[in-house]
Amino acid sequence: MSDRALHLIGQARRLADRGKFEEANAKLAEADKAVPGLSETAEARRKIAELATPGGRYAIQLSRARTAIDSADYAAAEKELTEAGKLKPEAPEIGVLRQEMQSAQQKEATRSSRVAELLTAMRESIARKDIAGADRAFNEASRLDILAPALDQARTELAEAHEAARDKKN
């Protein structure tokens, strides 16, 4: 079995997942030339033919929407849900995913608000020279959202507060 053929089949599947069915079939034709009669090529061709149907395209759109929601890319999720709605306007899954997206957005907003509150508490603790309290507030904010952009600046402020406290002891 040729590595080249398997590579081409993989490319074809990725192209089909992006809705580029003609390009995907061209890659499968190349795979057929590299290794004629390969069962993996035939299986990929069947799956791509399924995806090329309206139902298959709809499933792709829903899958992309779910991935976008899970990645907190709400603009992309809305775009995919709109496209899915064009294929099946009355599908209940679209409404369910929109509700999940709204819920995720609300959770994210609540989490961001709580992180901001905790970082404010951290700064207030630093101002009172309560380094332990500042550490607690920062750690709790970090546990809520380790990737929050505001944590970078807060980390620097906390490090400076620790350094100032050490310098004061010496």
Foldseek 3Di string as FASTA:
>chain_A
DDPQLVVLLVVLLVCLLVVNNVSSVVSLVVSCVVPNPDVSSVVSVVLSVVLNDLVNVLVSLLVQLVVCLVVLVNVSNVVSLVVSCVSPVPDVSSVVSVVSSVVSVVLVVVLVVLLVVLLVQLVVCLVVLNLVSNVVSLVVNCVSPVPPPVNVVSVVVSVVSVVVVVVVVD
